[in-house]
């Protein structure tokens, strides 16, 4: 077992630890953030980071917007240098950096705090980011030595807790689903080698991975691409499935050297997603489909069945 897998195998344990030990303390900070949002009559949220921290932010964007709070996601570099006029006193900025030292994130937070309230999320007790934020939440992911993974998971959990508290959705059903995601992660990782062997064998010989998703699941696609490139030096690309359908699907003509990993919890007949799956298979490519939906077996398609949780929590699973 290498260092990356050792760290991955702690994900479920750390999710449970956060919910049991740290959330009761952090709940007070999140309550204060929600109160501040209401008292200042704020009307939107901007989530920002770089790399894994940026991808994690995607998990709650749709949830917030769907509950009447416009949510924007920008890289901290883009937001600081080219989109800073998006920020005013009625905008809550959530700046995320696993290390708390990412130059782009610290620069953005330092500029933004002169205009509005900034919430920082990082993994260590002290960091440059903490010094330039109004509220600070620690990820509690312990040290991370390999490709970011533990802190990515915990960041998404914390973002969900913040988002649901601000919308008034932090109820028993939501907390039960958080525990479901943590339990599922623990159970799967306890037997990771057995569970992943058939997936690994299905993917052997692949030259190009296209990672396809919609909405919250784009968080998963972005993070997986980073892990493939940084850890394994694979050729990967991330696509919103509808955009993929505007010509990117021709890569599937690589045949057996091509694999599309499709993160689509809801997978229905008559959709563009179904059309793309069929096109890939018809042209000799392979599909690994992660879904909650029932779907008939097909040659060159591997289905990973997911438990049913709300879309903003699905990337944890």
C-alpha atoms as a PDB file:
ATOM      1  CA  UNK A   1       0.000   0.000   0.000  1.00  0.00           C
ATOM      2  CA  UNK A   2       1.429   3.388  -0.983  1.00  0.00           C
ATOM      3  CA  UNK A   3       1.129   6.665   0.905  1.00  0.00           C
ATOM      4  CA  UNK A   4      -1.743   7.961  -1.213  1.00  0.00           C
ATOM      5  CA  UNK A   5      -3.907   4.901  -0.560  1.00  0.00           C
ATOM      6  CA  UNK A   6      -3.043   4.998   3.141  1.00  0.00           C
ATOM      7  CA  UNK A   7      -4.385   8.548   3.305  1.00  0.00           C
ATOM      8  CA  UNK A   8      -7.465   7.762   1.214  1.00  0.00           C
ATOM      9  CA  UNK A   9      -8.344   4.892   3.548  1.00  0.00           C
ATOM     10  CA  UNK A  10      -8.735   7.339   6.452  1.00  0.00           C
ATOM     11  CA  UNK A  11     -11.383   9.456   4.679  1.00  0.00           C
ATOM     12  CA  UNK A  12     -14.433   7.830   6.233  1.00  0.00           C
ATOM     13  CA  UNK A  13     -12.875   7.766   9.677  1.00  0.00           C
ATOM     14  CA  UNK A  14     -12.055  11.481   9.465  1.00  0.00           C
ATOM     15  CA  UNK A  15     -15.552  12.350   8.251  1.00  0.00           C
ATOM     16  CA  UNK A  16     -17.002  10.559  11.268  1.00  0.00           C
ATOM     17  CA  UNK A  17     -14.471  12.161  13.583  1.00  0.00           C
ATOM     18  CA  UNK A  18     -15.366  15.619  12.338  1.00  0.00           C
ATOM     19  CA  UNK A  19     -19.102  15.038  12.781  1.00  0.00           C
ATOM     20  CA  UNK A  20     -18.647  13.592  16.269  1.00  0.00           C
ATOM     21  CA  UNK A  21     -15.818  15.690  17.748  1.00  0.00           C
ATOM     22  CA  UNK A  22     -15.355  18.920  15.820  1.00  0.00           C
ATOM     23  CA  UNK A  23     -18.799  19.804  14.504  1.00  0.00           C
ATOM     24  CA  UNK A  24     -20.267  20.389  18.005  1.00  0.00           C
ATOM     25  CA  UNK A  25     -17.581  23.086  18.493  1.00  0.00           C
ATOM     26  CA  UNK A  26     -17.607  24.469  14.941  1.00  0.00           C
ATOM     27  CA  UNK A  27     -21.408  24.710  14.998  1.00  0.00           C
ATOM     28  CA  UNK A  28     -21.077  27.921  17.019  1.00  0.00           C
ATOM     29  CA  UNK A  29     -18.868  29.509  14.345  1.00  0.00           C
ATOM     30  CA  UNK A  30     -21.228  28.425  11.579  1.00  0.00           C
ATOM     31  CA  UNK A  31     -24.172  29.842  13.530  1.00  0.00           C
ATOM     32  CA  UNK A  32     -22.326  33.166  13.742  1.00  0.00           C
ATOM     33  CA  UNK A  33     -21.631  33.099   9.995  1.00  0.00           C
ATOM     34  CA  UNK A  34     -25.321  32.493   9.270  1.00  0.00           C
ATOM     35  CA  UNK A  35     -26.344  35.271  11.678  1.00  0.00           C
ATOM     36  CA  UNK A  36     -23.902  37.668  10.023  1.00  0.00           C
ATOM     37  CA  UNK A  37     -25.267  36.804   6.580  1.00  0.00           C
ATOM     38  CA  UNK A  38     -28.785  37.606   7.764  1.00  0.00           C
ATOM     39  CA  UNK A  39     -27.965  40.701   9.825  1.00  0.00           C
ATOM     40  CA  UNK A  40     -26.045  42.336   6.973  1.00  0.00           C
ATOM     41  CA  UNK A  41     -28.856  41.529   4.519  1.00  0.00           C
ATOM     42  CA  UNK A  42     -26.433  39.730   2.232  1.00  0.00           C
ATOM     43  CA  UNK A  43     -27.798  38.445  -1.038  1.00  0.00           C
ATOM     44  CA  UNK A  44     -25.191  36.104  -2.528  1.00  0.00           C
ATOM     45  CA  UNK A  45     -22.155  33.950  -1.793  1.00  0.00           C
ATOM     46  CA  UNK A  46     -18.866  33.655  -3.674  1.00  0.00           C
ATOM     47  CA  UNK A  47     -16.831  30.493  -3.116  1.00  0.00           C
ATOM     48  CA  UNK A  48     -13.182  30.578  -4.109  1.00  0.00           C
ATOM     49  CA  UNK A  49      -9.983  28.554  -3.969  1.00  0.00           C
ATOM     50  CA  UNK A  50      -7.389  26.910  -6.180  1.00  0.00           C
ATOM     51  CA  UNK A  51      -7.056  23.275  -7.267  1.00  0.00           C
ATOM     52  CA  UNK A  52      -8.866  20.833  -4.956  1.00  0.00           C
ATOM     53  CA  UNK A  53     -10.270  23.683  -2.892  1.00  0.00           C
ATOM     54  CA  UNK A  54     -11.858  25.171  -6.007  1.00  0.00           C
ATOM     55  CA  UNK A  55     -13.313  21.837  -7.115  1.00  0.00           C
ATOM     56  CA  UNK A  56     -14.777  21.198  -3.645  1.00  0.00           C
ATOM     57  CA  UNK A  57     -16.743  24.449  -3.851  1.00  0.00           C
ATOM     58  CA  UNK A  58     -18.781  23.067  -6.750  1.00  0.00           C
ATOM     59  CA  UNK A  59     -20.611  20.685  -4.422  1.00  0.00           C
ATOM     60  CA  UNK A  60     -22.823  23.385  -2.843  1.00  0.00           C
ATOM     61  CA  UNK A  61     -23.158  25.906  -5.679  1.00  0.00           C
ATOM     62  CA  UNK A  62     -26.328  24.382  -7.106  1.00  0.00           C
ATOM     63  CA  UNK A  63     -27.809  23.800  -3.657  1.00  0.00           C
ATOM     64  CA  UNK A  64     -27.421  27.440  -2.650  1.00  0.00           C
ATOM     65  CA  UNK A  65     -28.740  28.826  -5.922  1.00  0.00           C
ATOM     66  CA  UNK A  66     -31.669  26.413  -5.800  1.00  0.00           C
ATOM     67  CA  UNK A  67     -32.554  27.765  -2.369  1.00  0.00           C
ATOM     68  CA  UNK A  68     -32.637  31.393  -3.429  1.00  0.00           C
ATOM     69  CA  UNK A  69     -29.032  32.349  -2.698  1.00  0.00           C
ATOM     70  CA  UNK A  70     -27.074  33.070  -5.886  1.00  0.00           C
ATOM     71  CA  UNK A  71     -23.705  31.344  -5.585  1.00  0.00           C
ATOM     72  CA  UNK A  72     -20.665  31.971  -7.766  1.00  0.00           C
ATOM     73  CA  UNK A  73     -17.489  29.868  -7.913  1.00  0.00           C
ATOM     74  CA  UNK A  74     -14.217  31.404  -9.114  1.00  0.00           C
ATOM     75  CA  UNK A  75     -10.577  30.518  -8.873  1.00  0.00           C
ATOM     76  CA  UNK A  76      -8.998  32.958  -6.434  1.00  0.00           C
ATOM     77  CA  UNK A  77      -6.671  34.229  -9.159  1.00  0.00           C
ATOM     78  CA  UNK A  78      -9.577  34.962 -11.519  1.00  0.00           C
ATOM     79  CA  UNK A  79     -11.610  36.577  -8.756  1.00  0.00           C
ATOM     80  CA  UNK A  80      -8.781  38.761  -7.478  1.00  0.00           C
ATOM     81  CA  UNK A  81      -7.388  39.897 -10.829  1.00  0.00           C
ATOM     82  CA  UNK A  82     -10.347  39.975 -13.220  1.00  0.00           C
ATOM     83  CA  UNK A  83     -13.663  39.545 -11.370  1.00  0.00           C
ATOM     84  CA  UNK A  84     -13.140  41.495  -8.181  1.00  0.00           C
ATOM     85  CA  UNK A  85     -16.043  43.822  -8.986  1.00  0.00           C
ATOM     86  CA  UNK A  86     -18.329  40.860  -8.240  1.00  0.00           C
ATOM     87  CA  UNK A  87     -17.617  41.532  -4.552  1.00  0.00           C
ATOM     88  CA  UNK A  88     -19.499  44.151  -2.564  1.00  0.00           C
ATOM     89  CA  UNK A  89     -20.684  44.548   1.033  1.00  0.00           C
ATOM     90  CA  UNK A  90     -23.698  42.285   0.498  1.00  0.00           C
ATOM     91  CA  UNK A  91     -21.629  39.361  -0.754  1.00  0.00           C
ATOM     92  CA  UNK A  92     -20.259  36.695   1.610  1.00  0.00           C
ATOM     93  CA  UNK A  93     -16.873  35.421   0.418  1.00  0.00           C
ATOM     94  CA  UNK A  94     -15.787  31.884   1.368  1.00  0.00           C
ATOM     95  CA  UNK A  95     -12.039  31.433   0.724  1.00  0.00           C
ATOM     96  CA  UNK A  96     -10.675  27.894   0.848  1.00  0.00           C
ATOM     97  CA  UNK A  97      -7.043  26.769   1.059  1.00  0.00           C
ATOM     98  CA  UNK A  98      -5.964  23.387   2.376  1.00  0.00           C
ATOM     99  CA  UNK A  99      -2.585  24.758   3.455  1.00  0.00           C
ATOM    100  CA  UNK A 100      -3.852  28.221   4.309  1.00  0.00           C
ATOM    101  CA  UNK A 101      -0.829  29.515   2.400  1.00  0.00           C
ATOM    102  CA  UNK A 102      -1.949  29.512  -1.240  1.00  0.00           C
ATOM    103  CA  UNK A 103      -0.775  32.879  -2.511  1.00  0.00           C
ATOM    104  CA  UNK A 104      -3.782  33.504  -4.737  1.00  0.00           C
ATOM    105  CA  UNK A 105      -6.278  32.701  -1.959  1.00  0.00           C
ATOM    106  CA  UNK A 106      -4.531  34.839   0.662  1.00  0.00           C
ATOM    107  CA  UNK A 107      -4.264  37.751  -1.792  1.00  0.00           C
ATOM    108  CA  UNK A 108      -7.967  37.546  -2.621  1.00  0.00           C
ATOM    109  CA  UNK A 109      -9.061  37.267   1.022  1.00  0.00           C
ATOM    110  CA  UNK A 110      -6.898  40.224   2.013  1.00  0.00           C
ATOM    111  CA  UNK A 111      -8.472  42.390  -0.708  1.00  0.00           C
ATOM    112  CA  UNK A 112     -12.009  41.175  -0.063  1.00  0.00           C
ATOM    113  CA  UNK A 113     -12.000  41.777   3.697  1.00  0.00           C
ATOM    114  CA  UNK A 114     -11.711  45.514   3.005  1.00  0.00           C
ATOM    115  CA  UNK A 115     -15.077  45.287   1.235  1.00  0.00           C
ATOM    116  CA  UNK A 116     -17.083  42.554   2.953  1.00  0.00           C
ATOM    117  CA  UNK A 117     -17.068  39.586   5.343  1.00  0.00           C
ATOM    118  CA  UNK A 118     -14.670  36.745   4.502  1.00  0.00           C
ATOM    119  CA  UNK A 119     -14.940  33.165   5.789  1.00  0.00           C
ATOM    120  CA  UNK A 120     -11.726  31.144   5.608  1.00  0.00           C
ATOM    121  CA  UNK A 121     -11.436  27.359   5.522  1.00  0.00           C
ATOM    122  CA  UNK A 122      -8.020  25.734   6.017  1.00  0.00           C
ATOM    123  CA  UNK A 123      -6.390  22.662   7.547  1.00  0.00           C
ATOM    124  CA  UNK A 124      -3.980  24.096  10.087  1.00  0.00           C
ATOM    125  CA  UNK A 125      -4.334  26.030  13.329  1.00  0.00           C
ATOM    126  CA  UNK A 126      -2.336  29.027  12.140  1.00  0.00           C
ATOM    127  CA  UNK A 127      -1.838  30.273   8.594  1.00  0.00           C
ATOM    128  CA  UNK A 128      -1.594  33.483   6.563  1.00  0.00           C
ATOM    129  CA  UNK A 129      -5.216  32.950   5.520  1.00  0.00           C
ATOM    130  CA  UNK A 130      -6.433  33.030   9.109  1.00  0.00           C
ATOM    131  CA  UNK A 131      -4.907  36.484   9.581  1.00  0.00           C
ATOM    132  CA  UNK A 132      -7.048  38.001   6.796  1.00  0.00           C
ATOM    133  CA  UNK A 133     -10.457  36.409   7.493  1.00  0.00           C
ATOM    134  CA  UNK A 134     -13.368  37.407   9.727  1.00  0.00           C
ATOM    135  CA  UNK A 135     -14.359  33.812  10.465  1.00  0.00           C
ATOM    136  CA  UNK A 136     -12.117  30.743  10.318  1.00  0.00           C
ATOM    137  CA  UNK A 137     -13.019  27.062  10.143  1.00  0.00           C
ATOM    138  CA  UNK A 138     -10.381  24.367  10.410  1.00  0.00           C
ATOM    139  CA  UNK A 139     -10.674  21.276   8.232  1.00  0.00           C
ATOM    140  CA  UNK A 140      -9.126  18.933  10.848  1.00  0.00           C
ATOM    141  CA  UNK A 141      -7.743  16.594   8.209  1.00  0.00           C
ATOM    142  CA  UNK A 142      -4.347  15.986   9.875  1.00  0.00           C
ATOM    143  CA  UNK A 143      -1.246  16.353   7.715  1.00  0.00           C
ATOM    144  CA  UNK A 144      -1.546  15.386   4.083  1.00  0.00           C
ATOM    145  CA  UNK A 145       1.582  14.178   2.285  1.00  0.00           C
ATOM    146  CA  UNK A 146       0.221  12.887  -1.023  1.00  0.00           C
ATOM    147  CA  UNK A 147      -2.305  14.158  -3.583  1.00  0.00           C
ATOM    148  CA  UNK A 148      -5.008  16.091  -1.706  1.00  0.00           C
ATOM    149  CA  UNK A 149      -7.870  13.785  -0.763  1.00  0.00           C
ATOM    150  CA  UNK A 150      -8.714  13.804   2.965  1.00  0.00           C
ATOM    151  CA  UNK A 151      -8.981  17.573   3.121  1.00  0.00           C
ATOM    152  CA  UNK A 152     -11.007  17.631  -0.095  1.00  0.00           C
ATOM    153  CA  UNK A 153     -13.633  15.364   1.473  1.00  0.00           C
ATOM    154  CA  UNK A 154     -13.747  17.302   4.732  1.00  0.00           C
ATOM    155  CA  UNK A 155     -13.942  20.630   2.912  1.00  0.00           C
ATOM    156  CA  UNK A 156     -17.070  19.474   1.078  1.00  0.00           C
ATOM    157  CA  UNK A 157     -18.636  18.348   4.339  1.00  0.00           C
ATOM    158  CA  UNK A 158     -17.919  21.721   5.974  1.00  0.00           C
ATOM    159  CA  UNK A 159     -19.249  23.628   2.954  1.00  0.00           C
ATOM    160  CA  UNK A 160     -22.448  21.586   3.124  1.00  0.00           C
ATOM    161  CA  UNK A 161     -22.838  22.378   6.813  1.00  0.00           C
ATOM    162  CA  UNK A 162     -22.384  26.113   6.163  1.00  0.00           C
ATOM    163  CA  UNK A 163     -24.737  26.131   3.169  1.00  0.00           C
ATOM    164  CA  UNK A 164     -27.488  24.202   4.918  1.00  0.00           C
ATOM    165  CA  UNK A 165     -27.235  26.376   8.016  1.00  0.00           C
ATOM    166  CA  UNK A 166     -27.584  29.581   5.989  1.00  0.00           C
ATOM    167  CA  UNK A 167     -30.625  28.236   4.118  1.00  0.00           C
ATOM    168  CA  UNK A 168     -32.265  26.809   7.240  1.00  0.00           C
ATOM    169  CA  UNK A 169     -31.816  23.256   5.992  1.00  0.00           C
ATOM    170  CA  UNK A 170     -29.573  22.013   8.805  1.00  0.00           C
ATOM    171  CA  UNK A 171     -32.094  19.492  10.123  1.00  0.00           C
ATOM    172  CA  UNK A 172     -32.115  15.884  11.245  1.00  0.00           C
ATOM    173  CA  UNK A 173     -32.597  14.488   7.752  1.00  0.00           C
ATOM    174  CA  UNK A 174     -29.578  16.365   6.458  1.00  0.00           C
ATOM    175  CA  UNK A 175     -27.365  15.232   9.356  1.00  0.00           C
ATOM    176  CA  UNK A 176     -28.511  11.665   8.831  1.00  0.00           C
ATOM    177  CA  UNK A 177     -27.398  11.870   5.201  1.00  0.00           C
ATOM    178  CA  UNK A 178     -24.007  13.238   6.308  1.00  0.00           C
ATOM    179  CA  UNK A 179     -23.565  10.188   8.530  1.00  0.00           C
ATOM    180  CA  UNK A 180     -24.739   7.966   5.659  1.00  0.00           C
ATOM    181  CA  UNK A 181     -22.000   9.385   3.425  1.00  0.00           C
ATOM    182  CA  UNK A 182     -19.388   8.838   6.156  1.00  0.00           C
ATOM    183  CA  UNK A 183     -20.592   5.281   6.847  1.00  0.00           C
ATOM    184  CA  UNK A 184     -20.620   4.417   3.146  1.00  0.00           C
ATOM    185  CA  UNK A 185     -17.061   5.720   2.765  1.00  0.00           C
ATOM    186  CA  UNK A 186     -15.837   3.697   5.761  1.00  0.00           C
ATOM    187  CA  UNK A 187     -17.551   0.513   4.606  1.00  0.00           C
ATOM    188  CA  UNK A 188     -16.221   0.730   1.048  1.00  0.00           C
ATOM    189  CA  UNK A 189     -12.665   1.581   2.087  1.00  0.00           C
ATOM    190  CA  UNK A 190     -12.475  -1.242   4.622  1.00  0.00           C
ATOM    191  CA  UNK A 191     -12.378  -3.568   1.584  1.00  0.00           C
ATOM    192  CA  UNK A 192     -10.937  -1.125  -0.955  1.00  0.00           C
ATOM    193  CA  UNK A 193      -8.720  -3.655  -2.712  1.00  0.00           C
ATOM    194  CA  UNK A 194     -11.496  -6.167  -3.263  1.00  0.00           C
ATOM    195  CA  UNK A 195     -13.982  -3.437  -4.204  1.00  0.00           C
ATOM    196  CA  UNK A 196     -11.676  -1.709  -6.672  1.00  0.00           C
ATOM    197  CA  UNK A 197     -10.071  -4.727  -8.351  1.00  0.00           C
ATOM    198  CA  UNK A 198     -12.779  -5.223 -10.983  1.00  0.00           C
ATOM    199  CA  UNK A 199     -12.823  -1.470 -11.672  1.00  0.00           C
ATOM    200  CA  UNK A 200      -9.064  -1.466 -12.157  1.00  0.00           C
ATOM    201  CA  UNK A 201      -9.185  -4.457 -14.484  1.00  0.00           C
ATOM    202  CA  UNK A 202     -11.969  -2.846 -16.525  1.00  0.00           C
ATOM    203  CA  UNK A 203      -9.838   0.297 -17.000  1.00  0.00           C
ATOM    204  CA  UNK A 204      -6.590  -1.416 -18.007  1.00  0.00           C
ATOM    205  CA  UNK A 205      -4.995  -0.192 -21.227  1.00  0.00           C
ATOM    206  CA  UNK A 206      -6.695   3.212 -21.198  1.00  0.00           C
ATOM    207  CA  UNK A 207      -4.811   6.090 -22.851  1.00  0.00           C
ATOM    208  CA  UNK A 208      -7.357   8.893 -22.296  1.00  0.00           C
ATOM    209  CA  UNK A 209      -9.862   9.397 -19.476  1.00  0.00           C
ATOM    210  CA  UNK A 210     -12.727  11.834 -20.016  1.00  0.00           C
ATOM    211  CA  UNK A 211     -14.477  12.668 -16.743  1.00  0.00           C
ATOM    212  CA  UNK A 212     -18.082  13.708 -17.323  1.00  0.00           C
ATOM    213  CA  UNK A 213     -20.505  15.179 -14.807  1.00  0.00           C
ATOM    214  CA  UNK A 214     -23.171  17.770 -14.188  1.00  0.00           C
ATOM    215  CA  UNK A 215     -23.869  20.128 -11.297  1.00  0.00           C
ATOM    216  CA  UNK A 216     -22.462  19.132  -7.926  1.00  0.00           C
ATOM    217  CA  UNK A 217     -20.753  16.060  -9.343  1.00  0.00           C
ATOM    218  CA  UNK A 218     -18.365  18.291 -11.299  1.00  0.00           C
ATOM    219  CA  UNK A 219     -16.560  18.530  -7.947  1.00  0.00           C
ATOM    220  CA  UNK A 220     -15.748  14.837  -8.234  1.00  0.00           C
ATOM    221  CA  UNK A 221     -14.684  15.029 -11.867  1.00  0.00           C
ATOM    222  CA  UNK A 222     -12.293  17.929 -11.217  1.00  0.00           C
ATOM    223  CA  UNK A 223     -10.694  16.283  -8.208  1.00  0.00           C
ATOM    224  CA  UNK A 224     -10.306  12.909  -9.924  1.00  0.00           C
ATOM    225  CA  UNK A 225      -8.602  14.571 -12.889  1.00  0.00           C
ATOM    226  CA  UNK A 226      -6.106  16.165 -10.504  1.00  0.00           C
ATOM    227  CA  UNK A 227      -5.387  12.820  -8.837  1.00  0.00           C
ATOM    228  CA  UNK A 228      -4.930  11.078 -12.191  1.00  0.00           C
ATOM    229  CA  UNK A 229      -2.567  13.735 -13.521  1.00  0.00           C
ATOM    230  CA  UNK A 230      -0.561  14.527 -10.399  1.00  0.00           C
ATOM    231  CA  UNK A 231      -0.360  11.003  -9.007  1.00  0.00           C
ATOM    232  CA  UNK A 232      -0.423   8.779 -12.091  1.00  0.00           C
ATOM    233  CA  UNK A 233       0.509  11.150 -14.948  1.00  0.00           C
ATOM    234  CA  UNK A 234      -2.547  10.021 -16.923  1.00  0.00           C
ATOM    235  CA  UNK A 235      -4.152  11.964 -19.759  1.00  0.00           C
ATOM    236  CA  UNK A 236      -7.465  13.318 -18.460  1.00  0.00           C
ATOM    237  CA  UNK A 237     -10.060  15.958 -19.279  1.00  0.00           C
ATOM    238  CA  UNK A 238     -13.090  17.221 -17.351  1.00  0.00           C
ATOM    239  CA  UNK A 239     -16.337  18.063 -19.116  1.00  0.00           C
ATOM    240  CA  UNK A 240     -19.830  19.126 -18.257  1.00  0.00           C
ATOM    241  CA  UNK A 241     -21.765  16.410 -20.035  1.00  0.00           C
ATOM    242  CA  UNK A 242     -23.803  18.804 -22.188  1.00  0.00           C
ATOM    243  CA  UNK A 243     -20.628  20.569 -23.344  1.00  0.00           C
ATOM    244  CA  UNK A 244     -19.003  17.206 -24.077  1.00  0.00           C
ATOM    245  CA  UNK A 245     -21.904  16.546 -26.445  1.00  0.00           C
ATOM    246  CA  UNK A 246     -20.840  19.528 -28.585  1.00  0.00           C
ATOM    247  CA  UNK A 247     -17.950  17.631 -30.155  1.00  0.00           C
ATOM    248  CA  UNK A 248     -15.670  16.333 -27.412  1.00  0.00           C
ATOM    249  CA  UNK A 249     -17.235  12.875 -27.707  1.00  0.00           C
ATOM    250  CA  UNK A 250     -15.217  12.177 -30.865  1.00  0.00           C
ATOM    251  CA  UNK A 251     -12.288  11.183 -28.630  1.00  0.00           C
ATOM    252  CA  UNK A 252     -14.191   7.963 -27.968  1.00  0.00           C
ATOM    253  CA  UNK A 253     -13.070   6.834 -31.425  1.00  0.00           C
ATOM    254  CA  UNK A 254      -9.839   5.798 -29.712  1.00  0.00           C
ATOM    255  CA  UNK A 255     -11.831   2.662 -28.961  1.00  0.00           C
ATOM    256  CA  UNK A 256     -10.449   0.407 -26.221  1.00  0.00           C
ATOM    257  CA  UNK A 257      -7.896   3.054 -25.238  1.00  0.00           C
ATOM    258  CA  UNK A 258     -10.701   5.418 -24.256  1.00  0.00           C
ATOM    259  CA  UNK A 259     -12.675   5.469 -21.012  1.00  0.00           C
ATOM    260  CA  UNK A 260     -15.403   7.931 -20.042  1.00  0.00           C
ATOM    261  CA  UNK A 261     -16.085   8.005 -16.319  1.00  0.00           C
ATOM    262  CA  UNK A 262     -19.587   9.435 -16.003  1.00  0.00           C
ATOM    263  CA  UNK A 263     -20.664  10.779 -12.583  1.00  0.00           C
ATOM    264  CA  UNK A 264     -24.426  10.941 -13.047  1.00  0.00           C
ATOM    265  CA  UNK A 265     -26.484  10.033  -9.949  1.00  0.00           C
ATOM    266  CA  UNK A 266     -29.664  10.465 -12.010  1.00  0.00           C
ATOM    267  CA  UNK A 267     -29.310   8.720 -15.388  1.00  0.00           C
ATOM    268  CA  UNK A 268     -32.462   8.716 -17.489  1.00  0.00           C
ATOM    269  CA  UNK A 269     -33.619   7.585 -20.923  1.00  0.00           C
ATOM    270  CA  UNK A 270     -33.962  10.235 -23.599  1.00  0.00           C
ATOM    271  CA  UNK A 271     -31.292  12.525 -22.142  1.00  0.00           C
ATOM    272  CA  UNK A 272     -28.118  13.835 -23.728  1.00  0.00           C
ATOM    273  CA  UNK A 273     -26.180  11.884 -21.104  1.00  0.00           C
ATOM    274  CA  UNK A 274     -27.749   8.640 -22.317  1.00  0.00           C
ATOM    275  CA  UNK A 275     -27.041   9.629 -25.932  1.00  0.00           C
ATOM    276  CA  UNK A 276     -23.358  10.192 -25.142  1.00  0.00           C
ATOM    277  CA  UNK A 277     -23.085   6.868 -23.337  1.00  0.00           C
ATOM    278  CA  UNK A 278     -24.548   5.106 -26.378  1.00  0.00           C
ATOM    279  CA  UNK A 279     -22.235   6.961 -28.784  1.00  0.00           C
ATOM    280  CA  UNK A 280     -19.126   5.994 -26.809  1.00  0.00           C
ATOM    281  CA  UNK A 281     -20.098   2.336 -26.662  1.00  0.00           C
ATOM    282  CA  UNK A 282     -21.074   2.244 -30.346  1.00  0.00           C
ATOM    283  CA  UNK A 283     -17.602   3.518 -31.271  1.00  0.00           C
ATOM    284  CA  UNK A 284     -15.690   0.983 -29.211  1.00  0.00           C
ATOM    285  CA  UNK A 285     -14.952   3.098 -26.146  1.00  0.00           C
ATOM    286  CA  UNK A 286     -15.592   2.141 -22.550  1.00  0.00           C
ATOM    287  CA  UNK A 287     -17.866   3.738 -19.938  1.00  0.00           C
ATOM    288  CA  UNK A 288     -17.662   3.587 -16.156  1.00  0.00           C
ATOM    289  CA  UNK A 289     -20.965   4.954 -14.879  1.00  0.00           C
ATOM    290  CA  UNK A 290     -21.467   6.097 -11.262  1.00  0.00           C
ATOM    291  CA  UNK A 291     -25.217   6.313 -10.643  1.00  0.00           C
ATOM    292  CA  UNK A 292     -28.155   5.726  -8.313  1.00  0.00           C
ATOM    293  CA  UNK A 293     -30.404   4.831 -11.258  1.00  0.00           C
ATOM    294  CA  UNK A 294     -31.261   1.314 -12.368  1.00  0.00           C
ATOM    295  CA  UNK A 295     -29.667   0.556 -15.722  1.00  0.00           C
ATOM    296  CA  UNK A 296     -29.369  -2.599 -17.769  1.00  0.00           C
ATOM    297  CA  UNK A 297     -25.909  -4.169 -18.239  1.00  0.00           C
ATOM    298  CA  UNK A 298     -24.088  -3.523 -21.497  1.00  0.00           C
ATOM    299  CA  UNK A 299     -20.816  -4.697 -22.963  1.00  0.00           C
ATOM    300  CA  UNK A 300     -17.906  -2.302 -22.256  1.00  0.00           C
ATOM    301  CA  UNK A 301     -19.858  -0.547 -19.504  1.00  0.00           C
ATOM    302  CA  UNK A 302     -19.089  -0.857 -15.779  1.00  0.00           C
ATOM    303  CA  UNK A 303     -21.777   0.438 -13.401  1.00  0.00           C
ATOM    304  CA  UNK A 304     -20.869   1.654  -9.907  1.00  0.00           C
ATOM    305  CA  UNK A 305     -24.037   1.754  -7.813  1.00  0.00           C
ATOM    306  CA  UNK A 306     -24.334   4.705  -5.435  1.00  0.00           C
ATOM    307  CA  UNK A 307     -26.567   5.142  -2.389  1.00  0.00           C
ATOM    308  CA  UNK A 308     -29.182   7.867  -2.614  1.00  0.00           C
ATOM    309  CA  UNK A 309     -28.231  11.141  -0.924  1.00  0.00           C
ATOM    310  CA  UNK A 310     -28.897  14.754  -1.912  1.00  0.00           C
ATOM    311  CA  UNK A 311     -26.774  16.056  -4.813  1.00  0.00           C
ATOM    312  CA  UNK A 312     -24.592  18.346  -2.652  1.00  0.00           C
ATOM    313  CA  UNK A 313     -23.448  15.343  -0.589  1.00  0.00           C
ATOM    314  CA  UNK A 314     -23.009  12.954  -3.532  1.00  0.00           C
ATOM    315  CA  UNK A 315     -19.397  14.082  -4.225  1.00  0.00           C
ATOM    316  CA  UNK A 316     -18.421  12.799  -0.752  1.00  0.00           C
ATOM    317  CA  UNK A 317     -19.467   9.336  -1.893  1.00  0.00           C
END
